[in-house]
PDB file of N, CA and C in Angstrom:
ATOM      1  N   MET A   1     122.002 114.077 106.652  1.00  0.00           N
ATOM      2  CA  MET A   1     122.349 113.196 107.735  1.00  0.00           C
ATOM      3  C   MET A   1     121.198 112.239 107.952  1.00  0.00           C
ATOM      4  N   LYS A   2     121.352 111.108 107.398  1.00  0.00           N
ATOM      5  CA  LYS A   2     120.276 110.132 107.321  1.00  0.00           C
ATOM      6  C   LYS A   2     119.778 109.607 108.667  1.00  0.00           C
ATOM      7  N   ASP A   3     120.608 109.602 109.698  1.00  0.00           N
ATOM      8  CA  ASP A   3     120.217 109.003 110.971  1.00  0.00           C
ATOM      9  C   ASP A   3     119.515 109.972 111.917  1.00  0.00           C
ATOM     10  N   PHE A   4     119.266 111.199 111.496  1.00  0.00           N
ATOM     11  CA  PHE A   4     118.730 112.199 112.397  1.00  0.00           C
ATOM     12  C   PHE A   4     117.530 112.964 111.837  1.00  0.00           C
ATOM     13  N   PRO A   5     116.609 112.298 111.133  1.00  0.00           N
ATOM     14  CA  PRO A   5     115.511 113.044 110.521  1.00  0.00           C
ATOM     15  C   PRO A   5     114.549 113.655 111.541  1.00  0.00           C
ATOM     16  N   GLN A   6     114.398 113.058 112.699  1.00  0.00           N
ATOM     17  CA  GLN A   6     113.454 113.531 113.709  1.00  0.00           C
ATOM     18  C   GLN A   6     114.152 114.147 114.923  1.00  0.00           C
ATOM     19  N   ALA A   7     115.453 114.397 114.817  1.00  0.00           N
ATOM     20  CA  ALA A   7     116.203 114.920 115.966  1.00  0.00           C
ATOM     21  C   ALA A   7     115.757 116.334 116.303  1.00  0.00           C
ATOM     22  N   SER A   8     115.634 116.574 117.586  1.00  0.00           N
ATOM     23  CA  SER A   8     115.252 117.893 118.075  1.00  0.00           C
ATOM     24  C   SER A   8     116.029 118.145 119.364  1.00  0.00           C
ATOM     25  N   PHE A   9     116.639 119.323 119.466  1.00  0.00           N
ATOM     26  CA  PHE A   9     117.444 119.650 120.632  1.00  0.00           C
ATOM     27  C   PHE A   9     117.060 121.031 121.152  1.00  0.00           C
ATOM     28  N   PRO A  10     117.099 121.213 122.471  1.00  0.00           N
ATOM     29  CA  PRO A  10     116.834 122.542 123.032  1.00  0.00           C
ATOM     30  C   PRO A  10     118.006 123.479 122.715  1.00  0.00           C
ATOM     31  N   PRO A  11     117.776 124.780 122.795  1.00  0.00           N
ATOM     32  CA  PRO A  11     118.823 125.753 122.471  1.00  0.00           C
ATOM     33  C   PRO A  11     120.131 125.549 123.253  1.00  0.00           C
ATOM     34  N   GLU A  12     120.031 125.167 124.518  1.00  0.00           N
ATOM     35  CA  GLU A  12     121.240 124.953 125.328  1.00  0.00           C
ATOM     36  C   GLU A  12     122.101 123.842 124.745  1.00  0.00           C
ATOM     37  N   THR A  13     121.459 122.768 124.281  1.00  0.00           N
ATOM     38  CA  THR A  13     122.194 121.647 123.708  1.00  0.00           C
ATOM     39  C   THR A  13     122.797 122.029 122.367  1.00  0.00           C
ATOM     40  N   ILE A  14     122.090 122.808 121.591  1.00  0.00           N
ATOM     41  CA  ILE A  14     122.625 123.274 120.307  1.00  0.00           C
ATOM     42  C   ILE A  14     123.866 124.131 120.546  1.00  0.00           C
ATOM     43  N   GLN A  15     123.838 124.951 121.576  1.00  0.00           N
ATOM     44  CA  GLN A  15     125.004 125.763 121.905  1.00  0.00           C
ATOM     45  C   GLN A  15     126.189 124.877 122.287  1.00  0.00           C
ATOM     46  N   ILE A  16     125.945 123.841 123.064  1.00  0.00           N
ATOM     47  CA  ILE A  16     126.993 122.901 123.456  1.00  0.00           C
ATOM     48  C   ILE A  16     127.544 122.183 122.221  1.00  0.00           C
ATOM     49  N   MET A  17     126.661 121.743 121.333  1.00  0.00           N
ATOM     50  CA  MET A  17     127.104 121.056 120.118  1.00  0.00           C
ATOM     51  C   MET A  17     127.919 121.983 119.223  1.00  0.00           C
ATOM     52  N   THR A  18     127.534 123.256 119.168  1.00  0.00           N
ATOM     53  CA  THR A  18     128.276 124.232 118.373  1.00  0.00           C
ATOM     54  C   THR A  18     129.689 124.420 118.926  1.00  0.00           C
ATOM     55  N   LEU A  19     129.808 124.524 120.256  1.00  0.00           N
ATOM     56  CA  LEU A  19     131.124 124.632 120.884  1.00  0.00           C
ATOM     57  C   LEU A  19     131.972 123.404 120.566  1.00  0.00           C
ATOM     58  N   ALA A  20     131.373 122.230 120.651  1.00  0.00           N
ATOM     59  CA  ALA A  20     132.090 120.989 120.366  1.00  0.00           C
ATOM     60  C   ALA A  20     132.551 120.942 118.910  1.00  0.00           C
ATOM     61  N   MET A  21     131.675 121.325 117.998  1.00  0.00           N
ATOM     62  CA  MET A  21     132.016 121.308 116.575  1.00  0.00           C
ATOM     63  C   MET A  21     133.155 122.282 116.285  1.00  0.00           C
ATOM     64  N   ASN A  22     133.062 123.488 116.813  1.00  0.00           N
ATOM     65  CA  ASN A  22     134.119 124.476 116.595  1.00  0.00           C
ATOM     66  C   ASN A  22     135.455 124.000 117.154  1.00  0.00           C
ATOM     67  N   SER A  23     135.423 123.376 118.304  1.00  0.00           N
ATOM     68  CA  SER A  23     136.638 122.854 118.925  1.00  0.00           C
ATOM     69  C   SER A  23     137.238 121.726 118.083  1.00  0.00           C
ATOM     70  N   ALA A  24     136.392 120.825 117.627  1.00  0.00           N
ATOM     71  CA  ALA A  24     136.878 119.709 116.806  1.00  0.00           C
ATOM     72  C   ALA A  24     137.460 120.215 115.489  1.00  0.00           C
ATOM     73  N   LEU A  25     136.786 121.152 114.856  1.00  0.00           N
ATOM     74  CA  LEU A  25     137.284 121.705 113.595  1.00  0.00           C
ATOM     75  C   LEU A  25     138.613 122.426 113.788  1.00  0.00           C
ATOM     76  N   ALA A  26     138.768 123.126 114.896  1.00  0.00           N
ATOM     77  CA  ALA A  26     140.000 123.853 115.168  1.00  0.00           C
ATOM     78  C   ALA A  26     141.189 122.911 115.361  1.00  0.00           C
ATOM     79  N   ALA A  27     140.916 121.675 115.759  1.00  0.00           N
ATOM     80  CA  ALA A  27     141.980 120.707 115.996  1.00  0.00           C
ATOM     81  C   ALA A  27     142.491 120.055 114.709  1.00  0.00           C
ATOM     82  N   LEU A  28     141.791 120.243 113.615  1.00  0.00           N
ATOM     83  CA  LEU A  28     142.177 119.611 112.350  1.00  0.00           C
ATOM     84  C   LEU A  28     142.955 120.584 111.476  1.00  0.00           C
ATOM     85  N   PRO A  29     143.871 120.043 110.654  1.00  0.00           N
ATOM     86  CA  PRO A  29     144.593 120.919 109.717  1.00  0.00           C
ATOM     87  C   PRO A  29     143.639 121.425 108.636  1.00  0.00           C
ATOM     88  N   HIS A  30     143.848 122.664 108.219  1.00  0.00           N
ATOM     89  CA  HIS A  30     142.994 123.267 107.196  1.00  0.00           C
ATOM     90  C   HIS A  30     143.591 123.055 105.826  1.00  0.00           C
ATOM     91  N   PRO A  31     142.801 122.933 104.810  1.00  0.00           N
ATOM     92  CA  PRO A  31     141.347 122.988 104.796  1.00  0.00           C
ATOM     93  C   PRO A  31     140.735 121.662 105.252  1.00  0.00           C
ATOM     94  N   VAL A  32     139.576 121.740 105.857  1.00  0.00           N
ATOM     95  CA  VAL A  32     138.855 120.550 106.317  1.00  0.00           C
ATOM     96  C   VAL A  32     137.792 120.232 105.272  1.00  0.00           C
ATOM     97  N   GLY A  33     137.849 119.026 104.718  1.00  0.00           N
ATOM     98  CA  GLY A  33     136.896 118.616 103.690  1.00  0.00           C
ATOM     99  C   GLY A  33     135.506 118.385 104.237  1.00  0.00           C
ATOM    100  N   SER A  34     134.542 118.442 103.346  1.00  0.00           N
ATOM    101  CA  SER A  34     133.141 118.306 103.753  1.00  0.00           C
ATOM    102  C   SER A  34     132.834 116.931 104.345  1.00  0.00           C
ATOM    103  N   ALA A  35     133.509 115.889 103.897  1.00  0.00           N
ATOM    104  CA  ALA A  35     133.277 114.551 104.451  1.00  0.00           C
ATOM    105  C   ALA A  35     133.700 114.501 105.916  1.00  0.00           C
ATOM    106  N   ARG A  36     134.793 115.174 106.235  1.00  0.00           N
ATOM    107  CA  ARG A  36     135.244 115.212 107.630  1.00  0.00           C
ATOM    108  C   ARG A  36     134.288 116.034 108.491  1.00  0.00           C
ATOM    109  N   VAL A  37     133.830 117.144 107.953  1.00  0.00           N
ATOM    110  CA  VAL A  37     132.868 117.979 108.685  1.00  0.00           C
ATOM    111  C   VAL A  37     131.608 117.171 108.973  1.00  0.00           C
ATOM    112  N   GLN A  38     131.117 116.451 107.982  1.00  0.00           N
ATOM    113  CA  GLN A  38     129.910 115.643 108.167  1.00  0.00           C
ATOM    114  C   GLN A  38     130.141 114.550 109.202  1.00  0.00           C
ATOM    115  N   SER A  39     131.301 113.905 109.161  1.00  0.00           N
ATOM    116  CA  SER A  39     131.599 112.858 110.140  1.00  0.00           C
ATOM    117  C   SER A  39     131.605 113.423 111.562  1.00  0.00           C
ATOM    118  N   LEU A  40     132.262 114.567 111.742  1.00  0.00           N
ATOM    119  CA  LEU A  40     132.288 115.203 113.062  1.00  0.00           C
ATOM    120  C   LEU A  40     130.874 115.535 113.522  1.00  0.00           C
ATOM    121  N   ALA A  41     130.100 116.129 112.632  1.00  0.00           N
ATOM    122  CA  ALA A  41     128.733 116.530 112.981  1.00  0.00           C
ATOM    123  C   ALA A  41     127.877 115.331 113.370  1.00  0.00           C
ATOM    124  N   GLU A  42     127.990 114.253 112.611  1.00  0.00           N
ATOM    125  CA  GLU A  42     127.187 113.061 112.917  1.00  0.00           C
ATOM    126  C   GLU A  42     127.541 112.479 114.280  1.00  0.00           C
ATOM    127  N   THR A  43     128.829 112.438 114.598  1.00  0.00           N
ATOM    128  CA  THR A  43     129.237 111.914 115.900  1.00  0.00           C
ATOM    129  C   THR A  43     128.723 112.810 117.022  1.00  0.00           C
ATOM    130  N   ILE A  44     128.840 114.112 116.853  1.00  0.00           N
ATOM    131  CA  ILE A  44     128.365 115.046 117.879  1.00  0.00           C
ATOM    132  C   ILE A  44     126.853 114.939 118.041  1.00  0.00           C
ATOM    133  N   LEU A  45     126.134 114.852 116.947  1.00  0.00           N
ATOM    134  CA  LEU A  45     124.676 114.689 117.021  1.00  0.00           C
ATOM    135  C   LEU A  45     124.296 113.385 117.724  1.00  0.00           C
ATOM    136  N   ARG A  46     124.920 112.299 117.318  1.00  0.00           N
ATOM    137  CA  ARG A  46     124.607 110.998 117.910  1.00  0.00           C
ATOM    138  C   ARG A  46     124.920 110.980 119.407  1.00  0.00           C
ATOM    139  N   SER A  47     126.086 111.501 119.778  1.00  0.00           N
ATOM    140  CA  SER A  47     126.481 111.502 121.184  1.00  0.00           C
ATOM    141  C   SER A  47     125.576 112.421 122.006  1.00  0.00           C
ATOM    142  N   SER A  48     125.171 113.548 121.428  1.00  0.00           N
ATOM    143  CA  SER A  48     124.247 114.449 122.123  1.00  0.00           C
ATOM    144  C   SER A  48     122.881 113.809 122.288  1.00  0.00           C
ATOM    145  N   LYS A  49     122.453 113.111 121.261  1.00  0.00           N
ATOM    146  CA  LYS A  49     121.161 112.409 121.320  1.00  0.00           C
ATOM    147  C   LYS A  49     121.170 111.347 122.419  1.00  0.00           C
ATOM    148  N   GLU A  50     122.365 110.758 122.666  1.00  0.00           N
ATOM    149  CA  GLU A  50     122.500 109.738 123.706  1.00  0.00           C
ATOM    150  C   GLU A  50     122.675 110.349 125.103  1.00  0.00           C
ATOM    151  N   GLY A  51     122.776 111.697 125.169  1.00  0.00           N
ATOM    152  CA  GLY A  51     122.799 112.344 126.470  1.00  0.00           C
ATOM    153  C   GLY A  51     124.082 113.051 126.870  1.00  0.00           C
ATOM    154  N   GLU A  52     125.136 112.944 126.070  1.00  0.00           N
ATOM    155  CA  GLU A  52     126.381 113.627 126.429  1.00  0.00           C
ATOM    156  C   GLU A  52     126.193 115.140 126.300  1.00  0.00           C
ATOM    157  N   ARG A  53     126.666 115.897 127.296  1.00  0.00           N
ATOM    158  CA  ARG A  53     126.481 117.345 127.281  1.00  0.00           C
ATOM    159  C   ARG A  53     127.770 118.130 127.515  1.00  0.00           C
ATOM    160  N   ASP A  54     128.894 117.458 127.639  1.00  0.00           N
ATOM    161  CA  ASP A  54     130.158 118.157 127.827  1.00  0.00           C
ATOM    162  C   ASP A  54     130.782 118.446 126.460  1.00  0.00           C
ATOM    163  N   PRO A  55     130.978 119.720 126.094  1.00  0.00           N
ATOM    164  CA  PRO A  55     131.491 120.029 124.762  1.00  0.00           C
ATOM    165  C   PRO A  55     132.882 119.459 124.502  1.00  0.00           C
ATOM    166  N   SER A  56     133.729 119.408 125.514  1.00  0.00           N
ATOM    167  CA  SER A  56     135.069 118.833 125.334  1.00  0.00           C
ATOM    168  C   SER A  56     134.987 117.344 125.032  1.00  0.00           C
ATOM    169  N   THR A  57     134.124 116.657 125.738  1.00  0.00           N
ATOM    170  CA  THR A  57     133.939 115.223 125.503  1.00  0.00           C
ATOM    171  C   THR A  57     133.354 114.980 124.119  1.00  0.00           C
ATOM    172  N   LEU A  58     132.369 115.783 123.734  1.00  0.00           N
ATOM    173  CA  LEU A  58     131.772 115.629 122.410  1.00  0.00           C
ATOM    174  C   LEU A  58     132.821 115.833 121.314  1.00  0.00           C
ATOM    175  N   ALA A  59     133.647 116.859 121.452  1.00  0.00           N
ATOM    176  CA  ALA A  59     134.685 117.126 120.449  1.00  0.00           C
ATOM    177  C   ALA A  59     135.694 115.980 120.402  1.00  0.00           C
ATOM    178  N   ARG A  60     136.116 115.518 121.560  1.00  0.00           N
ATOM    179  CA  ARG A  60     137.083 114.412 121.628  1.00  0.00           C
ATOM    180  C   ARG A  60     136.523 113.149 120.992  1.00  0.00           C
ATOM    181  N   MET A  61     135.270 112.839 121.289  1.00  0.00           N
ATOM    182  CA  MET A  61     134.641 111.647 120.717  1.00  0.00           C
ATOM    183  C   MET A  61     134.569 111.751 119.192  1.00  0.00           C
ATOM    184  N   ALA A  62     134.220 112.937 118.696  1.00  0.00           N
ATOM    185  CA  ALA A  62     134.121 113.138 117.253  1.00  0.00           C
ATOM    186  C   ALA A  62     135.482 112.980 116.584  1.00  0.00           C
ATOM    187  N   LEU A  63     136.518 113.548 117.191  1.00  0.00           N
ATOM    188  CA  LEU A  63     137.863 113.432 116.621  1.00  0.00           C
ATOM    189  C   LEU A  63     138.376 111.993 116.671  1.00  0.00           C
ATOM    190  N   LEU A  64     138.096 111.299 117.763  1.00  0.00           N
ATOM    191  CA  LEU A  64     138.516 109.897 117.868  1.00  0.00           C
ATOM    192  C   LEU A  64     137.813 109.028 116.836  1.00  0.00           C
ATOM    193  N   GLU A  65     136.528 109.235 116.675  1.00  0.00           N
ATOM    194  CA  GLU A  65     135.788 108.454 115.683  1.00  0.00           C
ATOM    195  C   GLU A  65     136.296 108.759 114.275  1.00  0.00           C
ATOM    196  N   LEU A  66     136.596 110.012 114.007  1.00  0.00           N
ATOM    197  CA  LEU A  66     137.155 110.382 112.718  1.00  0.00           C
ATOM    198  C   LEU A  66     138.497 109.696 112.486  1.00  0.00           C
ATOM    199  N   ALA A  67     139.320 109.614 113.521  1.00  0.00           N
ATOM    200  CA  ALA A  67     140.645 109.001 113.400  1.00  0.00           C
ATOM    201  C   ALA A  67     140.571 107.500 113.134  1.00  0.00           C
ATOM    202  N   ILE A  68     139.563 106.834 113.685  1.00  0.00           N
ATOM    203  CA  ILE A  68     139.498 105.382 113.515  1.00  0.00           C
ATOM    204  C   ILE A  68     138.609 104.933 112.364  1.00  0.00           C
ATOM    205  N   SER A  69     137.888 105.876 111.768  1.00  0.00           N
ATOM    206  CA  SER A  69     136.996 105.502 110.668  1.00  0.00           C
ATOM    207  C   SER A  69     137.822 105.236 109.411  1.00  0.00           C
ATOM    208  N   PRO A  70     137.359 104.277 108.590  1.00  0.00           N
ATOM    209  CA  PRO A  70     138.079 103.992 107.349  1.00  0.00           C
ATOM    210  C   PRO A  70     138.030 105.178 106.390  1.00  0.00           C
ATOM    211  N   ARG A  71     139.094 105.387 105.694  1.00  0.00           N
ATOM    212  CA  ARG A  71     139.156 106.479 104.718  1.00  0.00           C
ATOM    213  C   ARG A  71     138.763 105.957 103.351  1.00  0.00           C
ATOM    214  N   HIS A  72     138.019 106.782 102.624  1.00  0.00           N
ATOM    215  CA  HIS A  72     137.565 106.364 101.293  1.00  0.00           C
ATOM    216  C   HIS A  72     138.411 106.985 100.222  1.00  0.00           C
TER     217      HIS A  72
END
């Protein structure tokens, strides 16, 4: 993840990000490809870095960004 080389989060935030990631992954049909997992993770990391701390909001933002991103 090229945009997060110096990112550091306290344990509470990591727990929130984990909840968000699990929720976002559960909303997608299986199997979920690695590109989608990476996209979700990057959005959650970026949004957490910007201060968002609600796991539902983080998951929703990640899924929305995934839905509007161009497919390769």
